[in-house]
C-alpha atoms as a PDB file:
ATOM      1  CA  UNK A   1     -27.683 -74.455   0.117  1.00  0.00           C
ATOM      2  CA  UNK A   2     -24.726 -75.798   2.097  1.00  0.00           C
ATOM      3  CA  UNK A   3     -23.167 -73.407   4.589  1.00  0.00           C
ATOM      4  CA  UNK A   4     -19.376 -73.267   4.866  1.00  0.00           C
ATOM      5  CA  UNK A   5     -17.767 -72.967   8.314  1.00  0.00           C
ATOM      6  CA  UNK A   6     -14.119 -72.543   9.374  1.00  0.00           C
ATOM      7  CA  UNK A   7     -13.309 -73.982  12.820  1.00  0.00           C
ATOM      8  CA  UNK A   8     -10.043 -72.720  14.343  1.00  0.00           C
ATOM      9  CA  UNK A   9      -8.694 -74.383  17.509  1.00  0.00           C
ATOM     10  CA  UNK A  10      -5.397 -76.066  18.410  1.00  0.00           C
ATOM     11  CA  UNK A  11      -7.231 -78.754  20.411  1.00  0.00           C
ATOM     12  CA  UNK A  12      -7.852 -81.386  17.752  1.00  0.00           C
ATOM     13  CA  UNK A  13     -10.466 -83.274  19.773  1.00  0.00           C
ATOM     14  CA  UNK A  14     -12.586 -80.102  20.102  1.00  0.00           C
ATOM     15  CA  UNK A  15     -12.257 -79.424  16.369  1.00  0.00           C
ATOM     16  CA  UNK A  16     -13.195 -83.021  15.568  1.00  0.00           C
ATOM     17  CA  UNK A  17     -16.295 -82.825  17.804  1.00  0.00           C
ATOM     18  CA  UNK A  18     -17.493 -79.505  16.356  1.00  0.00           C
ATOM     19  CA  UNK A  19     -16.822 -80.683  12.797  1.00  0.00           C
ATOM     20  CA  UNK A  20     -18.763 -83.917  13.282  1.00  0.00           C
ATOM     21  CA  UNK A  21     -21.781 -82.118  14.754  1.00  0.00           C
ATOM     22  CA  UNK A  22     -21.888 -79.381  12.120  1.00  0.00           C
ATOM     23  CA  UNK A  23     -21.503 -81.894   9.271  1.00  0.00           C
ATOM     24  CA  UNK A  24     -24.458 -83.785  10.746  1.00  0.00           C
ATOM     25  CA  UNK A  25     -26.459 -80.596  10.113  1.00  0.00           C
ATOM     26  CA  UNK A  26     -25.339 -80.544   6.467  1.00  0.00           C
ATOM     27  CA  UNK A  27     -22.656 -77.857   6.855  1.00  0.00           C
ATOM     28  CA  UNK A  28     -19.316 -77.940   5.051  1.00  0.00           C
ATOM     29  CA  UNK A  29     -16.484 -77.599   7.586  1.00  0.00           C
ATOM     30  CA  UNK A  30     -12.829 -76.572   7.144  1.00  0.00           C
ATOM     31  CA  UNK A  31     -10.376 -76.716  10.045  1.00  0.00           C
ATOM     32  CA  UNK A  32      -7.283 -74.743  11.049  1.00  0.00           C
ATOM     33  CA  UNK A  33      -5.059 -75.443  14.059  1.00  0.00           C
ATOM     34  CA  UNK A  34      -3.079 -72.208  14.395  1.00  0.00           C
ATOM     35  CA  UNK A  35      -3.557 -68.480  13.754  1.00  0.00           C
ATOM     36  CA  UNK A  36      -1.503 -68.220  10.565  1.00  0.00           C
ATOM     37  CA  UNK A  37      -3.334 -71.148   8.940  1.00  0.00           C
ATOM     38  CA  UNK A  38      -6.671 -69.546   9.901  1.00  0.00           C
ATOM     39  CA  UNK A  39      -5.840 -66.234   8.177  1.00  0.00           C
ATOM     40  CA  UNK A  40      -4.608 -68.053   5.048  1.00  0.00           C
ATOM     41  CA  UNK A  41      -7.780 -70.158   4.815  1.00  0.00           C
ATOM     42  CA  UNK A  42      -9.981 -67.095   5.373  1.00  0.00           C
ATOM     43  CA  UNK A  43      -8.180 -65.369   2.465  1.00  0.00           C
ATOM     44  CA  UNK A  44      -8.456 -68.354   0.139  1.00  0.00           C
ATOM     45  CA  UNK A  45     -12.087 -69.375   0.838  1.00  0.00           C
ATOM     46  CA  UNK A  46     -15.471 -67.766   1.269  1.00  0.00           C
ATOM     47  CA  UNK A  47     -16.959 -68.798   4.622  1.00  0.00           C
ATOM     48  CA  UNK A  48     -20.407 -68.137   6.055  1.00  0.00           C
ATOM     49  CA  UNK A  49     -19.024 -68.106   9.608  1.00  0.00           C
ATOM     50  CA  UNK A  50     -15.744 -68.631  11.488  1.00  0.00           C
ATOM     51  CA  UNK A  51     -15.470 -70.236  14.946  1.00  0.00           C
ATOM     52  CA  UNK A  52     -12.205 -68.878  16.357  1.00  0.00           C
ATOM     53  CA  UNK A  53     -10.445 -69.957  19.547  1.00  0.00           C
ATOM     54  CA  UNK A  54      -8.816 -67.191  21.588  1.00  0.00           C
ATOM     55  CA  UNK A  55      -5.635 -69.071  22.590  1.00  0.00           C
ATOM     56  CA  UNK A  56      -3.802 -70.239  19.454  1.00  0.00           C
ATOM     57  CA  UNK A  57      -0.194 -70.978  18.446  1.00  0.00           C
ATOM     58  CA  UNK A  58       1.692 -68.574  16.105  1.00  0.00           C
ATOM     59  CA  UNK A  59      -0.950 -65.821  16.373  1.00  0.00           C
ATOM     60  CA  UNK A  60      -3.700 -65.455  18.985  1.00  0.00           C
ATOM     61  CA  UNK A  61      -7.396 -65.323  18.154  1.00  0.00           C
ATOM     62  CA  UNK A  62      -7.692 -61.558  18.620  1.00  0.00           C
ATOM     63  CA  UNK A  63      -4.900 -60.895  16.135  1.00  0.00           C
ATOM     64  CA  UNK A  64      -6.440 -63.391  13.698  1.00  0.00           C
ATOM     65  CA  UNK A  65      -9.800 -61.651  14.076  1.00  0.00           C
ATOM     66  CA  UNK A  66      -8.195 -58.255  13.469  1.00  0.00           C
ATOM     67  CA  UNK A  67      -6.359 -59.469  10.345  1.00  0.00           C
ATOM     68  CA  UNK A  68      -9.470 -61.119   8.883  1.00  0.00           C
ATOM     69  CA  UNK A  69     -11.408 -57.884   9.441  1.00  0.00           C
ATOM     70  CA  UNK A  70      -8.927 -56.127   7.126  1.00  0.00           C
ATOM     71  CA  UNK A  71     -10.377 -58.032   4.157  1.00  0.00           C
ATOM     72  CA  UNK A  72     -13.644 -59.680   5.187  1.00  0.00           C
ATOM     73  CA  UNK A  73     -16.888 -59.049   7.076  1.00  0.00           C
ATOM     74  CA  UNK A  74     -17.534 -62.774   7.632  1.00  0.00           C
ATOM     75  CA  UNK A  75     -19.288 -63.387  10.992  1.00  0.00           C
ATOM     76  CA  UNK A  76     -16.728 -64.465  13.639  1.00  0.00           C
ATOM     77  CA  UNK A  77     -17.590 -66.237  16.906  1.00  0.00           C
ATOM     78  CA  UNK A  78     -14.781 -66.296  19.494  1.00  0.00           C
ATOM     79  CA  UNK A  79     -14.339 -69.489  21.529  1.00  0.00           C
ATOM     80  CA  UNK A  80     -12.699 -68.699  24.850  1.00  0.00           C
ATOM     81  CA  UNK A  81     -11.786 -70.790  27.873  1.00  0.00           C
ATOM     82  CA  UNK A  82     -11.417 -67.574  29.828  1.00  0.00           C
ATOM     83  CA  UNK A  83     -14.501 -66.302  31.597  1.00  0.00           C
ATOM     84  CA  UNK A  84     -13.270 -62.764  32.292  1.00  0.00           C
ATOM     85  CA  UNK A  85     -15.514 -60.038  30.932  1.00  0.00           C
ATOM     86  CA  UNK A  86     -12.511 -58.096  29.623  1.00  0.00           C
ATOM     87  CA  UNK A  87     -11.580 -60.946  27.319  1.00  0.00           C
ATOM     88  CA  UNK A  88     -15.128 -61.095  26.008  1.00  0.00           C
ATOM     89  CA  UNK A  89     -15.345 -57.348  25.468  1.00  0.00           C
ATOM     90  CA  UNK A  90     -11.898 -57.289  23.888  1.00  0.00           C
ATOM     91  CA  UNK A  91     -12.927 -60.058  21.507  1.00  0.00           C
ATOM     92  CA  UNK A  92     -15.933 -58.049  20.355  1.00  0.00           C
ATOM     93  CA  UNK A  93     -13.832 -54.855  20.093  1.00  0.00           C
ATOM     94  CA  UNK A  94     -11.492 -56.635  17.719  1.00  0.00           C
ATOM     95  CA  UNK A  95     -14.378 -57.252  15.329  1.00  0.00           C
ATOM     96  CA  UNK A  96     -15.902 -60.511  16.599  1.00  0.00           C
ATOM     97  CA  UNK A  97     -19.683 -60.869  16.302  1.00  0.00           C
ATOM     98  CA  UNK A  98     -20.215 -63.107  19.327  1.00  0.00           C
ATOM     99  CA  UNK A  99     -18.379 -65.299  21.831  1.00  0.00           C
ATOM    100  CA  UNK A 100     -18.943 -68.677  23.481  1.00  0.00           C
ATOM    101  CA  UNK A 101     -17.185 -69.647  26.709  1.00  0.00           C
ATOM    102  CA  UNK A 102     -15.594 -73.092  27.043  1.00  0.00           C
ATOM    103  CA  UNK A 103     -16.598 -75.668  28.076  1.00  0.00           C
ATOM    104  CA  UNK A 104     -19.635 -75.241  25.837  1.00  0.00           C
ATOM    105  CA  UNK A 105     -22.651 -77.296  24.902  1.00  0.00           C
ATOM    106  CA  UNK A 106     -22.526 -78.192  21.198  1.00  0.00           C
ATOM    107  CA  UNK A 107     -26.272 -77.509  20.935  1.00  0.00           C
ATOM    108  CA  UNK A 108     -25.636 -73.944  22.099  1.00  0.00           C
ATOM    109  CA  UNK A 109     -22.863 -73.592  19.487  1.00  0.00           C
ATOM    110  CA  UNK A 110     -25.185 -74.824  16.725  1.00  0.00           C
ATOM    111  CA  UNK A 111     -28.013 -72.549  17.857  1.00  0.00           C
ATOM    112  CA  UNK A 112     -25.675 -69.535  17.975  1.00  0.00           C
ATOM    113  CA  UNK A 113     -24.267 -70.314  14.504  1.00  0.00           C
ATOM    114  CA  UNK A 114     -27.743 -70.628  13.000  1.00  0.00           C
ATOM    115  CA  UNK A 115     -28.908 -67.369  14.620  1.00  0.00           C
ATOM    116  CA  UNK A 116     -25.886 -65.437  13.321  1.00  0.00           C
ATOM    117  CA  UNK A 117     -26.186 -66.930   9.825  1.00  0.00           C
ATOM    118  CA  UNK A 118     -29.890 -66.106   9.760  1.00  0.00           C
ATOM    119  CA  UNK A 119     -29.160 -62.519  10.810  1.00  0.00           C
ATOM    120  CA  UNK A 120     -26.364 -62.155   8.234  1.00  0.00           C
ATOM    121  CA  UNK A 121     -28.613 -63.597   5.519  1.00  0.00           C
ATOM    122  CA  UNK A 122     -31.528 -61.275   6.325  1.00  0.00           C
ATOM    123  CA  UNK A 123     -29.183 -58.251   6.417  1.00  0.00           C
ATOM    124  CA  UNK A 124     -27.812 -59.265   3.016  1.00  0.00           C
ATOM    125  CA  UNK A 125     -31.330 -59.695   1.612  1.00  0.00           C
ATOM    126  CA  UNK A 126     -32.368 -56.287   2.988  1.00  0.00           C
ATOM    127  CA  UNK A 127     -29.415 -54.663   1.253  1.00  0.00           C
ATOM    128  CA  UNK A 128     -30.184 -56.530  -1.975  1.00  0.00           C
ATOM    129  CA  UNK A 129     -33.784 -55.299  -1.795  1.00  0.00           C
ATOM    130  CA  UNK A 130     -32.803 -51.704  -1.188  1.00  0.00           C
ATOM    131  CA  UNK A 131     -32.423 -50.309  -4.693  1.00  0.00           C
ATOM    132  CA  UNK A 132     -32.265 -46.740  -3.421  1.00  0.00           C
ATOM    133  CA  UNK A 133     -31.180 -45.350  -0.105  1.00  0.00           C
ATOM    134  CA  UNK A 134     -31.680 -41.791   1.124  1.00  0.00           C
ATOM    135  CA  UNK A 135     -29.796 -39.998   3.875  1.00  0.00           C
ATOM    136  CA  UNK A 136     -30.405 -36.286   4.330  1.00  0.00           C
ATOM    137  CA  UNK A 137     -30.211 -34.621   0.900  1.00  0.00           C
ATOM    138  CA  UNK A 138     -28.201 -37.534  -0.493  1.00  0.00           C
ATOM    139  CA  UNK A 139     -29.896 -40.207  -2.591  1.00  0.00           C
ATOM    140  CA  UNK A 140     -28.070 -43.307  -3.799  1.00  0.00           C
ATOM    141  CA  UNK A 141     -29.579 -45.442  -6.582  1.00  0.00           C
ATOM    142  CA  UNK A 142     -27.661 -48.708  -6.338  1.00  0.00           C
ATOM    143  CA  UNK A 143     -29.172 -50.295  -9.430  1.00  0.00           C
ATOM    144  CA  UNK A 144     -28.276 -47.501 -11.840  1.00  0.00           C
ATOM    145  CA  UNK A 145     -25.244 -46.492  -9.701  1.00  0.00           C
ATOM    146  CA  UNK A 146     -26.300 -42.837  -9.661  1.00  0.00           C
ATOM    147  CA  UNK A 147     -25.970 -40.303  -6.849  1.00  0.00           C
ATOM    148  CA  UNK A 148     -28.099 -37.214  -6.256  1.00  0.00           C
ATOM    149  CA  UNK A 149     -27.632 -34.340  -3.806  1.00  0.00           C
ATOM    150  CA  UNK A 150     -30.821 -32.284  -3.272  1.00  0.00           C
ATOM    151  CA  UNK A 151     -32.177 -33.699  -6.553  1.00  0.00           C
ATOM    152  CA  UNK A 152     -29.082 -32.798  -8.587  1.00  0.00           C
ATOM    153  CA  UNK A 153     -27.137 -35.704 -10.098  1.00  0.00           C
ATOM    154  CA  UNK A 154     -23.463 -35.953  -9.122  1.00  0.00           C
ATOM    155  CA  UNK A 155     -21.079 -37.777 -11.466  1.00  0.00           C
ATOM    156  CA  UNK A 156     -18.856 -40.199  -9.557  1.00  0.00           C
ATOM    157  CA  UNK A 157     -16.204 -42.595 -10.834  1.00  0.00           C
ATOM    158  CA  UNK A 158     -16.833 -46.338 -10.286  1.00  0.00           C
ATOM    159  CA  UNK A 159     -14.503 -46.492  -7.272  1.00  0.00           C
ATOM    160  CA  UNK A 160     -15.890 -43.271  -5.743  1.00  0.00           C
ATOM    161  CA  UNK A 161     -19.360 -44.816  -5.974  1.00  0.00           C
ATOM    162  CA  UNK A 162     -18.124 -48.113  -4.442  1.00  0.00           C
ATOM    163  CA  UNK A 163     -16.589 -46.270  -1.464  1.00  0.00           C
ATOM    164  CA  UNK A 164     -19.706 -44.150  -0.919  1.00  0.00           C
ATOM    165  CA  UNK A 165     -22.053 -47.138  -1.237  1.00  0.00           C
ATOM    166  CA  UNK A 166     -20.089 -49.130   1.370  1.00  0.00           C
ATOM    167  CA  UNK A 167     -20.071 -46.205   3.821  1.00  0.00           C
ATOM    168  CA  UNK A 168     -23.765 -45.312   3.276  1.00  0.00           C
ATOM    169  CA  UNK A 169     -24.907 -48.906   3.859  1.00  0.00           C
ATOM    170  CA  UNK A 170     -22.937 -49.014   7.116  1.00  0.00           C
ATOM    171  CA  UNK A 171     -23.621 -45.630   8.763  1.00  0.00           C
ATOM    172  CA  UNK A 172     -21.412 -44.679  11.737  1.00  0.00           C
ATOM    173  CA  UNK A 173     -19.165 -47.714  11.138  1.00  0.00           C
ATOM    174  CA  UNK A 174     -15.564 -46.505  10.961  1.00  0.00           C
ATOM    175  CA  UNK A 175     -13.479 -48.111   8.212  1.00  0.00           C
ATOM    176  CA  UNK A 176      -9.700 -47.858   8.346  1.00  0.00           C
ATOM    177  CA  UNK A 177      -7.937 -46.917   5.127  1.00  0.00           C
ATOM    178  CA  UNK A 178      -6.546 -50.494   4.958  1.00  0.00           C
ATOM    179  CA  UNK A 179     -10.104 -51.841   5.359  1.00  0.00           C
ATOM    180  CA  UNK A 180     -11.428 -49.670   2.518  1.00  0.00           C
ATOM    181  CA  UNK A 181      -8.480 -50.538   0.288  1.00  0.00           C
ATOM    182  CA  UNK A 182      -9.029 -54.271   0.809  1.00  0.00           C
ATOM    183  CA  UNK A 183     -12.839 -54.235   0.474  1.00  0.00           C
ATOM    184  CA  UNK A 184     -13.198 -51.778  -2.435  1.00  0.00           C
ATOM    185  CA  UNK A 185      -9.961 -52.335  -4.375  1.00  0.00           C
ATOM    186  CA  UNK A 186      -9.398 -55.970  -3.404  1.00  0.00           C
ATOM    187  CA  UNK A 187      -6.883 -57.687  -1.177  1.00  0.00           C
ATOM    188  CA  UNK A 188      -4.342 -58.163  -3.993  1.00  0.00           C
ATOM    189  CA  UNK A 189      -4.403 -54.469  -5.033  1.00  0.00           C
ATOM    190  CA  UNK A 190      -0.765 -53.282  -5.273  1.00  0.00           C
ATOM    191  CA  UNK A 191      -1.467 -49.627  -4.363  1.00  0.00           C
ATOM    192  CA  UNK A 192      -1.215 -48.102  -0.905  1.00  0.00           C
ATOM    193  CA  UNK A 193      -3.605 -46.394   1.516  1.00  0.00           C
ATOM    194  CA  UNK A 194      -3.006 -42.972  -0.045  1.00  0.00           C
ATOM    195  CA  UNK A 195      -5.264 -44.200  -2.872  1.00  0.00           C
ATOM    196  CA  UNK A 196      -8.123 -44.167  -0.345  1.00  0.00           C
ATOM    197  CA  UNK A 197      -7.319 -40.629   0.841  1.00  0.00           C
ATOM    198  CA  UNK A 198      -7.296 -39.336  -2.750  1.00  0.00           C
ATOM    199  CA  UNK A 199     -10.683 -40.933  -3.487  1.00  0.00           C
ATOM    200  CA  UNK A 200     -12.212 -39.628  -0.243  1.00  0.00           C
ATOM    201  CA  UNK A 201     -10.939 -36.117  -1.055  1.00  0.00           C
ATOM    202  CA  UNK A 202     -12.408 -36.244  -4.585  1.00  0.00           C
ATOM    203  CA  UNK A 203     -15.662 -37.708  -3.268  1.00  0.00           C
ATOM    204  CA  UNK A 204     -15.984 -34.874  -0.739  1.00  0.00           C
ATOM    205  CA  UNK A 205     -15.265 -32.276  -3.424  1.00  0.00           C
ATOM    206  CA  UNK A 206     -18.213 -33.666  -5.375  1.00  0.00           C
ATOM    207  CA  UNK A 207     -20.832 -34.365  -2.696  1.00  0.00           C
ATOM    208  CA  UNK A 208     -20.027 -31.922   0.119  1.00  0.00           C
ATOM    209  CA  UNK A 209     -21.077 -28.250   0.071  1.00  0.00           C
ATOM    210  CA  UNK A 210     -17.943 -27.534   2.127  1.00  0.00           C
ATOM    211  CA  UNK A 211     -15.386 -30.395   1.780  1.00  0.00           C
ATOM    212  CA  UNK A 212     -13.324 -29.138   4.737  1.00  0.00           C
ATOM    213  CA  UNK A 213     -16.422 -29.414   6.970  1.00  0.00           C
ATOM    214  CA  UNK A 214     -18.067 -32.554   5.590  1.00  0.00           C
ATOM    215  CA  UNK A 215     -21.732 -33.296   6.186  1.00  0.00           C
ATOM    216  CA  UNK A 216     -21.668 -36.903   4.943  1.00  0.00           C
ATOM    217  CA  UNK A 217     -18.218 -38.517   4.831  1.00  0.00           C
ATOM    218  CA  UNK A 218     -16.461 -37.869   8.139  1.00  0.00           C
ATOM    219  CA  UNK A 219     -12.969 -38.589   9.441  1.00  0.00           C
ATOM    220  CA  UNK A 220     -12.308 -40.268  12.782  1.00  0.00           C
ATOM    221  CA  UNK A 221      -8.781 -39.039  13.372  1.00  0.00           C
ATOM    222  CA  UNK A 222      -6.174 -41.764  13.571  1.00  0.00           C
ATOM    223  CA  UNK A 223      -8.781 -44.444  12.759  1.00  0.00           C
ATOM    224  CA  UNK A 224     -10.473 -43.954   9.395  1.00  0.00           C
ATOM    225  CA  UNK A 225     -13.645 -42.760   7.655  1.00  0.00           C
ATOM    226  CA  UNK A 226     -17.367 -43.137   8.292  1.00  0.00           C
ATOM    227  CA  UNK A 227     -20.714 -41.957   6.929  1.00  0.00           C
ATOM    228  CA  UNK A 228     -23.221 -39.893   8.877  1.00  0.00           C
ATOM    229  CA  UNK A 229     -25.953 -37.667   7.470  1.00  0.00           C
END
């Protein structure tokens, strides 16, 4: 199965070189030359990985990375000409999965892409395999979309289940309200972030013994929500 890659860099020669080498390996490659174009393409297409330069016109790579993370978990590799550790750390803090410092060896780029894709694929397969997941007294049956607390079935709406499933499969990962709205309700959803708060409140009322002191769905103040059992 062909893998689809988005390469984002304002240096056309670099883009051309990466594209040629990845196409030689049977990958399908799209290109973007500024930050705004990168975000638009990431919205319109489903990519297996994005190679994203740090220094871009219109919007820098960190901002692009941040915006893409609002609606997608696609693996992102930052390309940076800067060698400073802070830039690398910052790139990863903004939601990047890895970074490669320029000038780079194209063989290293290809090896890194294949490793990340392999990891993403095996994580996806693990999640597909996991029909039920248990955390503390909570049991989630993903196939029948049923939830149990200490053996007792809890009736959730479709969206309440979707929110809980996302959080349970990614324990300790904090999702902003915008993130949850885009992933669970979809990027084109016309509602606002209060929708998320209402669903979290209802979810807690159903699954928590004491909703004001949650055991499962926690709040990271000023950031968002996360799951921990």
